[in-house]
Amino acid sequence: MAPDAEHRATLLARLDPSAPVLVVPSLEMAQQVMAPTRAPVPEAAVHGDGGDGRAQDPVTVHEDRHAVGFGQVEVSLTPLEFALLRKLIREPGRVWRFDELVRQVWGTEHLGDASQVHAVVKRLRAKLSREGAPVVIEAVRGVGFRALRDPGAGPGRQRHVRPVRP
């Protein structure tokens, strides 16, 4: 083993086995992943309350017809779009890695180049943005995606989300 690999192995051996470990190539990336650029969406915000006591348009998940609704709007989604959005809004603000999404949404271990994830996210973003959904999907470059509450959302308001760069 190289000295750096030996040092990492020694440090990992000293950790509590139940402690979560984040391995990233740089301190900057660790800070980016651990500190979102905007406040994460509290679970209540996805279901109707922004955490400040004021009513929000809740995002309602319609399992039976693969659709999501908010206010008077309902958006029909493909099975993959629906499964991906449901996964992302289950833990708002959490960054889901590409491999986690492929394994849990697509049901496979084969990651490939993650282009299938990007394609579904692109279609899903377009549908949500077109309808002014109160949720946006943000890219964390080189890591994955997360869902965040969009306080400026409303019917007919489109929003483009640029990736977060480490």
Protein backbone atom coordinates (compact mmCIF):
# COMPACT_ATOMS: atom_id res chain seq x y z
CA MET A 1 0.00 0.00 0.00
CA ALA A 2 1.11 3.55 -0.69
CA PRO A 3 1.77 5.74 2.40
CA ASP A 4 -1.45 7.69 1.81
CA ALA A 5 -3.48 4.49 1.51
CA GLU A 6 -1.86 3.10 4.68
CA HIS A 7 -2.62 6.32 6.55
CA ARG A 8 -6.27 6.26 5.41
CA ALA A 9 -6.61 2.59 6.39
CA THR A 10 -5.19 3.35 9.85
CA LEU A 11 -7.59 6.26 10.34
CA LEU A 12 -10.58 4.22 9.17
CA ALA A 13 -9.63 1.38 11.54
CA ARG A 14 -9.78 3.83 14.48
CA LEU A 15 -13.32 5.00 13.68
CA ASP A 16 -16.42 3.77 15.42
CA PRO A 17 -17.86 1.13 13.04
CA SER A 18 -21.30 2.75 13.26
CA ALA A 19 -20.00 6.21 12.31
CA PRO A 20 -20.83 7.42 8.79
CA VAL A 21 -17.80 8.14 6.62
CA LEU A 22 -17.69 10.54 3.67
CA VAL A 23 -14.77 10.01 1.30
CA VAL A 24 -14.20 12.80 -1.22
CA PRO A 25 -11.13 13.90 -3.17
CA SER A 26 -10.84 17.32 -1.54
CA LEU A 27 -11.83 19.38 1.47
CA GLU A 28 -13.68 21.78 -0.84
CA MET A 29 -15.90 18.99 -2.18
CA ALA A 30 -16.63 17.76 1.35
CA GLN A 31 -17.69 21.27 2.34
CA GLN A 32 -19.87 21.59 -0.76
CA VAL A 33 -21.63 18.28 -0.15
CA MET A 34 -22.10 18.87 3.56
CA ALA A 35 -23.30 22.50 3.31
CA PRO A 36 -26.15 23.04 0.82
CA THR A 37 -26.26 26.40 -0.95
CA ARG A 38 -29.88 26.86 0.14
CA ALA A 39 -31.78 25.62 3.13
CA PRO A 40 -32.93 22.01 2.63
CA VAL A 41 -36.61 21.39 2.18
CA PRO A 42 -38.08 20.24 5.50
CA GLU A 43 -40.27 17.15 5.12
CA ALA A 44 -43.24 19.27 6.19
CA ALA A 45 -42.67 21.61 3.23
CA VAL A 46 -43.14 18.75 0.82
CA HIS A 47 -46.40 17.93 2.55
CA GLY A 48 -47.81 21.39 3.12
CA ASP A 49 -46.00 23.49 5.74
CA GLY A 50 -42.73 25.32 5.16
CA GLY A 51 -41.82 24.94 8.83
CA ASP A 52 -42.70 28.58 9.54
CA GLY A 53 -46.38 27.92 10.22
CA ARG A 54 -47.55 29.36 6.89
CA ALA A 55 -49.43 27.08 4.54
CA GLN A 56 -47.59 26.02 1.40
CA ASP A 57 -48.83 24.23 -1.68
CA PRO A 58 -48.24 20.64 -0.60
CA VAL A 59 -46.71 18.21 -3.05
CA THR A 60 -49.05 15.24 -3.12
CA VAL A 61 -47.75 11.96 -4.51
CA HIS A 62 -50.38 9.96 -6.43
CA GLU A 63 -48.96 6.43 -6.47
CA ASP A 64 -51.91 4.97 -8.40
CA ARG A 65 -51.44 7.18 -11.47
CA HIS A 66 -47.74 8.15 -11.33
CA ALA A 67 -48.44 11.83 -10.81
CA VAL A 68 -47.64 14.59 -8.35
CA GLY A 69 -49.94 17.43 -7.45
CA PHE A 70 -49.60 20.81 -5.79
CA GLY A 71 -52.29 23.43 -5.46
CA GLN A 72 -54.71 22.92 -8.36
CA VAL A 73 -52.02 21.42 -10.62
CA GLU A 74 -51.29 17.76 -11.27
CA VAL A 75 -48.28 16.60 -13.29
CA SER A 76 -48.31 13.16 -14.92
CA LEU A 77 -44.93 11.44 -14.92
CA THR A 78 -43.38 8.39 -16.53
CA PRO A 79 -42.68 5.51 -14.13
CA LEU A 80 -38.96 6.43 -13.96
CA GLU A 81 -39.62 10.15 -13.47
CA PHE A 82 -42.13 9.32 -10.75
CA ALA A 83 -39.81 6.88 -8.95
CA LEU A 84 -36.91 9.35 -9.11
CA LEU A 85 -38.94 12.29 -7.79
CA ARG A 86 -40.46 10.17 -5.04
CA LYS A 87 -36.94 9.10 -3.97
CA LEU A 88 -35.59 12.68 -4.00
CA ILE A 89 -38.45 14.26 -2.05
CA ARG A 90 -38.51 11.48 0.53
CA GLU A 91 -35.46 13.17 2.14
CA PRO A 92 -35.47 16.77 0.88
CA GLY A 93 -32.05 18.39 0.82
CA ARG A 94 -30.21 15.07 0.95
CA VAL A 95 -27.71 14.56 -1.86
CA TRP A 96 -28.44 11.23 -3.55
CA ARG A 97 -25.38 9.77 -5.27
CA PHE A 98 -25.69 8.49 -8.84
CA ASP A 99 -25.03 4.89 -7.78
CA GLU A 100 -27.73 5.07 -5.08
CA LEU A 101 -30.28 6.39 -7.56
CA VAL A 102 -29.43 3.77 -10.19
CA ARG A 103 -29.64 0.97 -7.63
CA GLN A 104 -32.84 2.16 -5.94
CA VAL A 105 -34.78 3.68 -8.87
CA TRP A 106 -33.60 1.60 -11.83
CA GLY A 107 -33.06 -1.53 -9.73
CA THR A 108 -29.64 -2.36 -11.14
CA GLU A 109 -26.02 -2.21 -10.04
CA HIS A 110 -24.78 -1.07 -13.47
CA LEU A 111 -24.01 2.65 -13.30
CA GLY A 112 -22.60 3.19 -16.77
CA ASP A 113 -21.88 6.88 -17.34
CA ALA A 114 -24.96 8.11 -15.40
CA SER A 115 -26.44 9.57 -18.60
CA GLN A 116 -29.73 7.74 -17.97
CA VAL A 117 -30.05 9.58 -14.64
CA HIS A 118 -29.31 12.93 -16.28
CA ALA A 119 -31.86 12.30 -19.05
CA VAL A 120 -34.67 11.52 -16.61
CA VAL A 121 -33.74 14.49 -14.39
CA LYS A 122 -33.82 16.79 -17.44
CA ARG A 123 -37.34 15.67 -18.40
CA LEU A 124 -38.53 15.82 -14.81
CA ARG A 125 -37.14 19.33 -14.29
CA ALA A 126 -38.85 20.54 -17.46
CA LYS A 127 -42.23 19.18 -16.36
CA LEU A 128 -41.95 20.58 -12.83
CA SER A 129 -40.67 23.97 -14.00
CA ARG A 130 -43.38 24.32 -16.66
CA GLU A 131 -46.06 23.86 -14.00
CA GLY A 132 -44.37 26.04 -11.35
CA ALA A 133 -43.79 23.18 -8.90
CA PRO A 134 -42.62 24.19 -5.40
CA VAL A 135 -39.75 21.66 -5.68
CA VAL A 136 -36.60 21.88 -7.80
CA ILE A 137 -33.98 19.25 -8.51
CA GLU A 138 -30.45 20.51 -8.03
CA ALA A 139 -27.31 18.82 -9.36
CA VAL A 140 -24.28 18.45 -7.12
CA ARG A 141 -21.56 18.09 -9.72
CA GLY A 142 -19.78 14.76 -9.67
CA VAL A 143 -21.91 13.49 -6.79
CA GLY A 144 -25.62 13.33 -7.63
CA PHE A 145 -28.88 15.21 -7.13
CA ARG A 146 -31.07 16.62 -4.38
CA ALA A 147 -34.58 18.06 -4.14
CA LEU A 148 -35.04 21.52 -2.67
CA ARG A 149 -38.05 23.69 -1.98
CA ASP A 150 -38.42 26.55 -4.46
CA PRO A 151 -39.95 29.48 -2.58
CA GLY A 152 -40.37 31.43 -5.83
CA ALA A 153 -42.46 28.72 -7.50
CA GLY A 154 -45.88 29.35 -8.88
CA PRO A 155 -48.02 28.46 -11.88
CA GLY A 156 -46.40 29.53 -15.14
CA ARG A 157 -43.07 30.48 -13.50
CA GLN A 158 -40.12 28.69 -15.04
CA ARG A 159 -36.79 28.33 -13.30
CA HIS A 160 -33.47 26.99 -14.52
CA VAL A 161 -31.28 25.35 -11.89
CA ARG A 162 -27.55 25.43 -12.51
CA PRO A 163 -25.36 22.67 -11.09
CA VAL A 164 -23.50 23.22 -7.84
CA ARG A 165 -19.79 23.09 -8.62
CA PRO A 166 -17.33 21.82 -6.03
